[in-house]
Amino acid sequence: MGKLDGKVAIVTGAGAGISKATSIYLARQGAKVLAWDLGVDVEGRPLERNPVDDTVRQIREEGNTAVAFHGDVSSMADAERAVGTAIDTW
């Protein structure tokens, strides 16, 4: 039983760095994680593959629950879609 069983977390920037680590940690503690990343490099150019998919794969391989969300945190429409996705999924 994890500290976050029954909780849902939305983590932005979850494709790499501290946000990826945070997503994995929250999932290990029992949270269902919506891992969100735009999938661009530091110059803003789209990547061939969104790294958030690897974050979600790792979480699922450990037996935890996550979905990937590809979107822009500066977009209100994307933010509404992300929250809606989390609500609809869980």
PDB file of N, CA and C in Angstrom:
ATOM      1  N   MET A   1       0.849  -1.180   0.000  1.00  0.00           N
ATOM      2  CA  MET A   1       0.000   0.000   0.000  1.00  0.00           C
ATOM      3  C   MET A   1       0.889   1.236   0.000  1.00  0.00           C
ATOM      4  N   GLY A   2       0.679   2.107  -1.005  1.00  0.00           N
ATOM      5  CA  GLY A   2       1.481   3.315  -1.120  1.00  0.00           C
ATOM      6  C   GLY A   2       0.854   4.499  -0.427  1.00  0.00           C
ATOM      7  N   LYS A   3       1.663   5.485  -0.178  1.00  0.00           N
ATOM      8  CA  LYS A   3       1.195   6.723   0.458  1.00  0.00           C
ATOM      9  C   LYS A   3       0.183   7.467  -0.405  1.00  0.00           C
ATOM     10  N   LEU A   4       0.213   7.235  -1.720  1.00  0.00           N
ATOM     11  CA  LEU A   4      -0.636   7.994  -2.635  1.00  0.00           C
ATOM     12  C   LEU A   4      -1.687   7.139  -3.342  1.00  0.00           C
ATOM     13  N   ASP A   5      -1.988   5.971  -2.791  1.00  0.00           N
ATOM     14  CA  ASP A   5      -3.032   5.132  -3.368  1.00  0.00           C
ATOM     15  C   ASP A   5      -4.325   5.934  -3.496  1.00  0.00           C
ATOM     16  N   GLY A   6      -4.971   5.820  -4.649  1.00  0.00           N
ATOM     17  CA  GLY A   6      -6.238   6.508  -4.873  1.00  0.00           C
ATOM     18  C   GLY A   6      -6.080   7.949  -5.331  1.00  0.00           C
ATOM     19  N   LYS A   7      -4.867   8.430  -5.463  1.00  0.00           N
ATOM     20  CA  LYS A   7      -4.617   9.811  -5.890  1.00  0.00           C
ATOM     21  C   LYS A   7      -4.233   9.831  -7.360  1.00  0.00           C
ATOM     22  N   VAL A   8      -4.434  10.976  -7.989  1.00  0.00           N
ATOM     23  CA  VAL A   8      -4.032  11.192  -9.374  1.00  0.00           C
ATOM     24  C   VAL A   8      -3.100  12.392  -9.397  1.00  0.00           C
ATOM     25  N   ALA A   9      -1.997  12.244 -10.130  1.00  0.00           N
ATOM     26  CA  ALA A   9      -1.026  13.334 -10.269  1.00  0.00           C
ATOM     27  C   ALA A   9      -0.863  13.681 -11.741  1.00  0.00           C
ATOM     28  N   ILE A  10      -0.804  14.979 -12.028  1.00  0.00           N
ATOM     29  CA  ILE A  10      -0.465  15.467 -13.358  1.00  0.00           C
ATOM     30  C   ILE A  10       0.904  16.111 -13.224  1.00  0.00           C
ATOM     31  N   VAL A  11       1.874  15.595 -13.983  1.00  0.00           N
ATOM     32  CA  VAL A  11       3.251  16.086 -13.889  1.00  0.00           C
ATOM     33  C   VAL A  11       3.666  16.635 -15.253  1.00  0.00           C
ATOM     34  N   THR A  12       3.980  17.929 -15.287  1.00  0.00           N
ATOM     35  CA  THR A  12       4.423  18.549 -16.535  1.00  0.00           C
ATOM     36  C   THR A  12       5.935  18.396 -16.688  1.00  0.00           C
ATOM     37  N   GLY A  13       6.379  18.382 -17.928  1.00  0.00           N
ATOM     38  CA  GLY A  13       7.807  18.218 -18.202  1.00  0.00           C
ATOM     39  C   GLY A  13       8.308  16.832 -17.879  1.00  0.00           C
ATOM     40  N   ALA A  14       7.409  15.852 -17.906  1.00  0.00           N
ATOM     41  CA  ALA A  14       7.707  14.507 -17.421  1.00  0.00           C
ATOM     42  C   ALA A  14       8.554  13.667 -18.367  1.00  0.00           C
ATOM     43  N   GLY A  15       9.007  14.238 -19.458  1.00  0.00           N
ATOM     44  CA  GLY A  15       9.827  13.488 -20.390  1.00  0.00           C
ATOM     45  C   GLY A  15      11.267  13.337 -19.959  1.00  0.00           C
ATOM     46  N   ALA A  16      11.721  14.190 -19.043  1.00  0.00           N
ATOM     47  CA  ALA A  16      13.131  14.151 -18.648  1.00  0.00           C
ATOM     48  C   ALA A  16      13.332  14.846 -17.304  1.00  0.00           C
ATOM     49  N   GLY A  17      14.523  14.647 -16.762  1.00  0.00           N
ATOM     50  CA  GLY A  17      14.949  15.385 -15.580  1.00  0.00           C
ATOM     51  C   GLY A  17      14.138  15.109 -14.325  1.00  0.00           C
ATOM     52  N   ILE A  18      14.036  16.144 -13.515  1.00  0.00           N
ATOM     53  CA  ILE A  18      13.375  16.018 -12.212  1.00  0.00           C
ATOM     54  C   ILE A  18      11.894  15.665 -12.361  1.00  0.00           C
ATOM     55  N   SER A  19      11.263  16.144 -13.414  1.00  0.00           N
ATOM     56  CA  SER A  19       9.843  15.823 -13.609  1.00  0.00           C
ATOM     57  C   SER A  19       9.639  14.357 -13.980  1.00  0.00           C
ATOM     58  N   LYS A  20      10.572  13.782 -14.724  1.00  0.00           N
ATOM     59  CA  LYS A  20      10.502  12.349 -15.007  1.00  0.00           C
ATOM     60  C   LYS A  20      10.668  11.576 -13.704  1.00  0.00           C
ATOM     61  N   ALA A  21      11.685  11.954 -12.923  1.00  0.00           N
ATOM     62  CA  ALA A  21      11.920  11.283 -11.644  1.00  0.00           C
ATOM     63  C   ALA A  21      10.727  11.440 -10.708  1.00  0.00           C
ATOM     64  N   THR A  22      10.116  12.601 -10.713  1.00  0.00           N
ATOM     65  CA  THR A  22       8.940  12.843  -9.867  1.00  0.00           C
ATOM     66  C   THR A  22       7.781  11.951 -10.299  1.00  0.00           C
ATOM     67  N   SER A  23       7.568  11.834 -11.592  1.00  0.00           N
ATOM     68  CA  SER A  23       6.493  10.971 -12.111  1.00  0.00           C
ATOM     69  C   SER A  23       6.681   9.530 -11.651  1.00  0.00           C
ATOM     70  N   ILE A  24       7.899   9.037 -11.787  1.00  0.00           N
ATOM     71  CA  ILE A  24       8.199   7.662 -11.391  1.00  0.00           C
ATOM     72  C   ILE A  24       8.008   7.486  -9.889  1.00  0.00           C
ATOM     73  N   TYR A  25       8.484   8.436  -9.108  1.00  0.00           N
ATOM     74  CA  TYR A  25       8.344   8.360  -7.652  1.00  0.00           C
ATOM     75  C   TYR A  25       6.871   8.355  -7.240  1.00  0.00           C
ATOM     76  N   LEU A  26       6.091   9.272  -7.802  1.00  0.00           N
ATOM     77  CA  LEU A  26       4.670   9.340  -7.447  1.00  0.00           C
ATOM     78  C   LEU A  26       3.960   8.036  -7.798  1.00  0.00           C
ATOM     79  N   ALA A  27       4.289   7.464  -8.966  1.00  0.00           N
ATOM     80  CA  ALA A  27       3.680   6.191  -9.358  1.00  0.00           C
ATOM     81  C   ALA A  27       4.074   5.075  -8.395  1.00  0.00           C
ATOM     82  N   ARG A  28       5.334   5.071  -7.971  1.00  0.00           N
ATOM     83  CA  ARG A  28       5.792   4.048  -7.012  1.00  0.00           C
ATOM     84  C   ARG A  28       5.079   4.184  -5.678  1.00  0.00           C
ATOM     85  N   GLN A  29       4.615   5.381  -5.372  1.00  0.00           N
ATOM     86  CA  GLN A  29       3.881   5.604  -4.129  1.00  0.00           C
ATOM     87  C   GLN A  29       2.382   5.340  -4.285  1.00  0.00           C
ATOM     88  N   GLY A  30       1.975   4.901  -5.488  1.00  0.00           N
ATOM     89  CA  GLY A  30       0.590   4.494  -5.702  1.00  0.00           C
ATOM     90  C   GLY A  30      -0.268   5.457  -6.489  1.00  0.00           C
ATOM     91  N   ALA A  31       0.241   6.630  -6.836  1.00  0.00           N
ATOM     92  CA  ALA A  31      -0.551   7.583  -7.617  1.00  0.00           C
ATOM     93  C   ALA A  31      -0.688   7.108  -9.059  1.00  0.00           C
ATOM     94  N   LYS A  32      -1.809   7.425  -9.660  1.00  0.00           N
ATOM     95  CA  LYS A  32      -1.986   7.267 -11.093  1.00  0.00           C
ATOM     96  C   LYS A  32      -1.441   8.553 -11.699  1.00  0.00           C
ATOM     97  N   VAL A  33      -0.564   8.438 -12.688  1.00  0.00           N
ATOM     98  CA  VAL A  33       0.169   9.595 -13.186  1.00  0.00           C
ATOM     99  C   VAL A  33      -0.182   9.908 -14.635  1.00  0.00           C
ATOM    100  N   LEU A  34      -0.570  11.156 -14.870  1.00  0.00           N
ATOM    101  CA  LEU A  34      -0.662  11.678 -16.220  1.00  0.00           C
ATOM    102  C   LEU A  34       0.651  12.421 -16.446  1.00  0.00           C
ATOM    103  N   ALA A  35       1.526  11.818 -17.255  1.00  0.00           N
ATOM    104  CA  ALA A  35       2.846  12.375 -17.530  1.00  0.00           C
ATOM    105  C   ALA A  35       2.737  13.237 -18.787  1.00  0.00           C
ATOM    106  N   TRP A  36       3.065  14.519 -18.650  1.00  0.00           N
ATOM    107  CA  TRP A  36       2.797  15.515 -19.698  1.00  0.00           C
ATOM    108  C   TRP A  36       4.099  16.107 -20.192  1.00  0.00           C
ATOM    109  N   ASP A  37       4.272  16.129 -21.511  1.00  0.00           N
ATOM    110  CA  ASP A  37       5.445  16.772 -22.088  1.00  0.00           C
ATOM    111  C   ASP A  37       5.130  17.185 -23.517  1.00  0.00           C
ATOM    112  N   LEU A  38       5.686  18.308 -23.926  1.00  0.00           N
ATOM    113  CA  LEU A  38       5.468  18.802 -25.284  1.00  0.00           C
ATOM    114  C   LEU A  38       6.282  18.029 -26.310  1.00  0.00           C
ATOM    115  N   GLY A  39       7.440  17.520 -25.911  1.00  0.00           N
ATOM    116  CA  GLY A  39       8.253  16.731 -26.827  1.00  0.00           C
ATOM    117  C   GLY A  39       9.075  17.579 -27.779  1.00  0.00           C
ATOM    118  N   VAL A  40       9.729  18.600 -27.224  1.00  0.00           N
ATOM    119  CA  VAL A  40      10.609  19.443 -28.023  1.00  0.00           C
ATOM    120  C   VAL A  40      11.988  19.506 -27.369  1.00  0.00           C
ATOM    121  N   ASP A  41      13.002  19.899 -28.168  1.00  0.00           N
ATOM    122  CA  ASP A  41      14.339  20.055 -27.601  1.00  0.00           C
ATOM    123  C   ASP A  41      14.459  21.431 -26.938  1.00  0.00           C
ATOM    124  N   VAL A  42      15.624  21.754 -26.412  1.00  0.00           N
ATOM    125  CA  VAL A  42      15.814  23.018 -25.697  1.00  0.00           C
ATOM    126  C   VAL A  42      15.666  24.234 -26.608  1.00  0.00           C
ATOM    127  N   GLU A  43      15.732  24.019 -27.909  1.00  0.00           N
ATOM    128  CA  GLU A  43      15.543  25.105 -28.876  1.00  0.00           C
ATOM    129  C   GLU A  43      14.079  25.219 -29.314  1.00  0.00           C
ATOM    130  N   GLY A  44      13.236  24.303 -28.825  1.00  0.00           N
ATOM    131  CA  GLY A  44      11.827  24.331 -29.188  1.00  0.00           C
ATOM    132  C   GLY A  44      11.474  23.554 -30.440  1.00  0.00           C
ATOM    133  N   ARG A  45      12.435  22.802 -30.964  1.00  0.00           N
ATOM    134  CA  ARG A  45      12.176  21.996 -32.161  1.00  0.00           C
ATOM    135  C   ARG A  45      11.565  20.654 -31.755  1.00  0.00           C
ATOM    136  N   PRO A  46      10.541  20.220 -32.488  1.00  0.00           N
ATOM    137  CA  PRO A  46       9.918  18.933 -32.162  1.00  0.00           C
ATOM    138  C   PRO A  46      10.922  17.779 -32.246  1.00  0.00           C
ATOM    139  N   LEU A  47      10.844  16.890 -31.272  1.00  0.00           N
ATOM    140  CA  LEU A  47      11.664  15.686 -31.272  1.00  0.00           C
ATOM    141  C   LEU A  47      10.989  14.622 -32.134  1.00  0.00           C
ATOM    142  N   GLU A  48      11.779  13.688 -32.626  1.00  0.00           N
ATOM    143  CA  GLU A  48      11.229  12.594 -33.427  1.00  0.00           C
ATOM    144  C   GLU A  48      10.233  11.770 -32.610  1.00  0.00           C
ATOM    145  N   ARG A  49      10.587  11.515 -31.345  1.00  0.00           N
ATOM    146  CA  ARG A  49       9.705  10.783 -30.417  1.00  0.00           C
ATOM    147  C   ARG A  49       9.587  11.601 -29.134  1.00  0.00           C
ATOM    148  N   ASN A  50       8.399  11.664 -28.596  1.00  0.00           N
ATOM    149  CA  ASN A  50       8.213  12.377 -27.336  1.00  0.00           C
ATOM    150  C   ASN A  50       8.758  11.508 -26.198  1.00  0.00           C
ATOM    151  N   PRO A  51       9.719  12.022 -25.425  1.00  0.00           N
ATOM    152  CA  PRO A  51      10.332  11.221 -24.366  1.00  0.00           C
ATOM    153  C   PRO A  51       9.370  10.852 -23.232  1.00  0.00           C
ATOM    154  N   VAL A  52       8.242  11.523 -23.145  1.00  0.00           N
ATOM    155  CA  VAL A  52       7.282  11.187 -22.094  1.00  0.00           C
ATOM    156  C   VAL A  52       6.742   9.767 -22.276  1.00  0.00           C
ATOM    157  N   ASP A  53       6.760   9.279 -23.517  1.00  0.00           N
ATOM    158  CA  ASP A  53       6.319   7.904 -23.759  1.00  0.00           C
ATOM    159  C   ASP A  53       7.238   6.905 -23.058  1.00  0.00           C
ATOM    160  N   ASP A  54       8.539   7.218 -22.993  1.00  0.00           N
ATOM    161  CA  ASP A  54       9.479   6.353 -22.271  1.00  0.00           C
ATOM    162  C   ASP A  54       9.230   6.400 -20.769  1.00  0.00           C
ATOM    163  N   THR A  55       8.872   7.569 -20.263  1.00  0.00           N
ATOM    164  CA  THR A  55       8.549   7.699 -18.840  1.00  0.00           C
ATOM    165  C   THR A  55       7.367   6.807 -18.488  1.00  0.00           C
ATOM    166  N   VAL A  56       6.332   6.877 -19.303  1.00  0.00           N
ATOM    167  CA  VAL A  56       5.129   6.068 -19.063  1.00  0.00           C
ATOM    168  C   VAL A  56       5.449   4.582 -19.197  1.00  0.00           C
ATOM    169  N   ARG A  57       6.256   4.226 -20.188  1.00  0.00           N
ATOM    170  CA  ARG A  57       6.644   2.818 -20.352  1.00  0.00           C
ATOM    171  C   ARG A  57       7.356   2.311 -19.106  1.00  0.00           C
ATOM    172  N   GLN A  58       8.283   3.109 -18.580  1.00  0.00           N
ATOM    173  CA  GLN A  58       9.009   2.699 -17.383  1.00  0.00           C
ATOM    174  C   GLN A  58       8.072   2.527 -16.192  1.00  0.00           C
ATOM    175  N   ILE A  59       7.154   3.454 -16.016  1.00  0.00           N
ATOM    176  CA  ILE A  59       6.192   3.353 -14.913  1.00  0.00           C
ATOM    177  C   ILE A  59       5.363   2.081 -15.048  1.00  0.00           C
ATOM    178  N   ARG A  60       4.883   1.819 -16.236  1.00  0.00           N
ATOM    179  CA  ARG A  60       4.049   0.626 -16.458  1.00  0.00           C
ATOM    180  C   ARG A  60       4.836  -0.664 -16.292  1.00  0.00           C
ATOM    181  N   GLU A  61       6.106  -0.667 -16.734  1.00  0.00           N
ATOM    182  CA  GLU A  61       6.929  -1.867 -16.577  1.00  0.00           C
ATOM    183  C   GLU A  61       7.130  -2.206 -15.103  1.00  0.00           C
ATOM    184  N   GLU A  62       7.071  -1.222 -14.242  1.00  0.00           N
ATOM    185  CA  GLU A  62       7.196  -1.458 -12.803  1.00  0.00           C
ATOM    186  C   GLU A  62       5.859  -1.869 -12.180  1.00  0.00           C
ATOM    187  N   GLY A  63       4.813  -1.975 -13.003  1.00  0.00           N
ATOM    188  CA  GLY A  63       3.509  -2.404 -12.516  1.00  0.00           C
ATOM    189  C   GLY A  63       2.646  -1.277 -12.002  1.00  0.00           C
ATOM    190  N   ASN A  64       3.009  -0.046 -12.319  1.00  0.00           N
ATOM    191  CA  ASN A  64       2.243   1.110 -11.859  1.00  0.00           C
ATOM    192  C   ASN A  64       1.436   1.694 -13.011  1.00  0.00           C
ATOM    193  N   THR A  65       0.664   2.737 -12.728  1.00  0.00           N
ATOM    194  CA  THR A  65      -0.311   3.255 -13.681  1.00  0.00           C
ATOM    195  C   THR A  65       0.063   4.648 -14.158  1.00  0.00           C
ATOM    196  N   ALA A  66       0.079   4.812 -15.485  1.00  0.00           N
ATOM    197  CA  ALA A  66       0.363   6.124 -16.060  1.00  0.00           C
ATOM    198  C   ALA A  66      -0.167   6.200 -17.488  1.00  0.00           C
ATOM    199  N   VAL A  67      -0.452   7.420 -17.926  1.00  0.00           N
ATOM    200  CA  VAL A  67      -0.763   7.711 -19.316  1.00  0.00           C
ATOM    201  C   VAL A  67       0.095   8.897 -19.748  1.00  0.00           C
ATOM    202  N   ALA A  68       0.405   8.921 -21.029  1.00  0.00           N
ATOM    203  CA  ALA A  68       1.174  10.031 -21.585  1.00  0.00           C
ATOM    204  C   ALA A  68       0.215  11.081 -22.127  1.00  0.00           C
ATOM    205  N   PHE A  69       0.625  12.320 -21.980  1.00  0.00           N
ATOM    206  CA  PHE A  69      -0.122  13.430 -22.572  1.00  0.00           C
ATOM    207  C   PHE A  69       0.874  14.314 -23.305  1.00  0.00           C
ATOM    208  N   HIS A  70       0.632  14.523 -24.596  1.00  0.00           N
ATOM    209  CA  HIS A  70       1.502  15.368 -25.411  1.00  0.00           C
ATOM    210  C   HIS A  70       0.807  16.714 -25.565  1.00  0.00           C
ATOM    211  N   GLY A  71       1.367  17.749 -24.966  1.00  0.00           N
ATOM    212  CA  GLY A  71       0.734  19.048 -25.067  1.00  0.00           C
ATOM    213  C   GLY A  71       1.605  20.156 -24.528  1.00  0.00           C
ATOM    214  N   ASP A  72       1.116  21.381 -24.686  1.00  0.00           N
ATOM    215  CA  ASP A  72       1.821  22.604 -24.337  1.00  0.00           C
ATOM    216  C   ASP A  72       1.242  23.177 -23.044  1.00  0.00           C
ATOM    217  N   VAL A  73       2.062  23.300 -22.019  1.00  0.00           N
ATOM    218  CA  VAL A  73       1.565  23.815 -20.735  1.00  0.00           C
ATOM    219  C   VAL A  73       1.141  25.275 -20.823  1.00  0.00           C
ATOM    220  N   SER A  74       1.562  25.984 -21.856  1.00  0.00           N
ATOM    221  CA  SER A  74       1.173  27.392 -21.983  1.00  0.00           C
ATOM    222  C   SER A  74      -0.174  27.549 -22.690  1.00  0.00           C
ATOM    223  N   SER A  75      -0.780  26.451 -23.089  1.00  0.00           N
ATOM    224  CA  SER A  75      -2.060  26.466 -23.791  1.00  0.00           C
ATOM    225  C   SER A  75      -3.194  26.090 -22.832  1.00  0.00           C
ATOM    226  N   MET A  76      -4.142  26.993 -22.656  1.00  0.00           N
ATOM    227  CA  MET A  76      -5.298  26.700 -21.798  1.00  0.00           C
ATOM    228  C   MET A  76      -6.084  25.515 -22.349  1.00  0.00           C
ATOM    229  N   ALA A  77      -6.197  25.424 -23.658  1.00  0.00           N
ATOM    230  CA  ALA A  77      -6.925  24.300 -24.257  1.00  0.00           C
ATOM    231  C   ALA A  77      -6.234  22.974 -23.938  1.00  0.00           C
ATOM    232  N   ASP A  78      -4.902  22.949 -24.017  1.00  0.00           N
ATOM    233  CA  ASP A  78      -4.171  21.723 -23.676  1.00  0.00           C
ATOM    234  C   ASP A  78      -4.307  21.400 -22.195  1.00  0.00           C
ATOM    235  N   ALA A  79      -4.265  22.419 -21.356  1.00  0.00           N
ATOM    236  CA  ALA A  79      -4.425  22.197 -19.910  1.00  0.00           C
ATOM    237  C   ALA A  79      -5.798  21.592 -19.616  1.00  0.00           C
ATOM    238  N   GLU A  80      -6.824  22.127 -20.255  1.00  0.00           N
ATOM    239  CA  GLU A  80      -8.170  21.586 -20.057  1.00  0.00           C
ATOM    240  C   GLU A  80      -8.263  20.146 -20.563  1.00  0.00           C
ATOM    241  N   ARG A  81      -7.605  19.872 -21.699  1.00  0.00           N
ATOM    242  CA  ARG A  81      -7.597  18.500 -22.225  1.00  0.00           C
ATOM    243  C   ARG A  81      -6.858  17.557 -21.290  1.00  0.00           C
ATOM    244  N   ALA A  82      -5.744  18.020 -20.707  1.00  0.00           N
ATOM    245  CA  ALA A  82      -4.966  17.174 -19.793  1.00  0.00           C
ATOM    246  C   ALA A  82      -5.798  16.802 -18.566  1.00  0.00           C
ATOM    247  N   VAL A  83      -6.423  17.790 -17.965  1.00  0.00           N
ATOM    248  CA  VAL A  83      -7.249  17.517 -16.785  1.00  0.00           C
ATOM    249  C   VAL A  83      -8.427  16.632 -17.169  1.00  0.00           C
ATOM    250  N   GLY A  84      -9.037  16.909 -18.307  1.00  0.00           N
ATOM    251  CA  GLY A  84     -10.142  16.071 -18.788  1.00  0.00           C
ATOM    252  C   GLY A  84      -9.700  14.635 -19.033  1.00  0.00           C
ATOM    253  N   THR A  85      -8.511  14.463 -19.577  1.00  0.00           N
ATOM    254  CA  THR A  85      -7.984  13.122 -19.817  1.00  0.00           C
ATOM    255  C   THR A  85      -7.815  12.374 -18.491  1.00  0.00           C
ATOM    256  N   ALA A  86      -7.262  13.063 -17.495  1.00  0.00           N
ATOM    257  CA  ALA A  86      -7.083  12.424 -16.184  1.00  0.00           C
ATOM    258  C   ALA A  86      -8.432  12.039 -15.579  1.00  0.00           C
ATOM    259  N   ILE A  87      -9.393  12.929 -15.666  1.00  0.00           N
ATOM    260  CA  ILE A  87     -10.730  12.645 -15.113  1.00  0.00           C
ATOM    261  C   ILE A  87     -11.381  11.484 -15.848  1.00  0.00           C
ATOM    262  N   ASP A  88     -11.343  11.531 -17.172  1.00  0.00           N
ATOM    263  CA  ASP A  88     -11.966  10.469 -17.965  1.00  0.00           C
ATOM    264  C   ASP A  88     -11.283   9.121 -17.788  1.00  0.00           C
ATOM    265  N   THR A  89      -9.967   9.134 -17.615  1.00  0.00           N
ATOM    266  CA  THR A  89      -9.207   7.895 -17.485  1.00  0.00           C
ATOM    267  C   THR A  89      -9.400   7.256 -16.110  1.00  0.00           C
ATOM    268  N   TRP A  90      -9.431   8.100 -15.071  1.00  0.00           N
ATOM    269  CA  TRP A  90      -9.522   7.554 -13.724  1.00  0.00           C
ATOM    270  C   TRP A  90     -10.717   8.042 -12.946  1.00  0.00           C
TER     271      TRP A  90
END
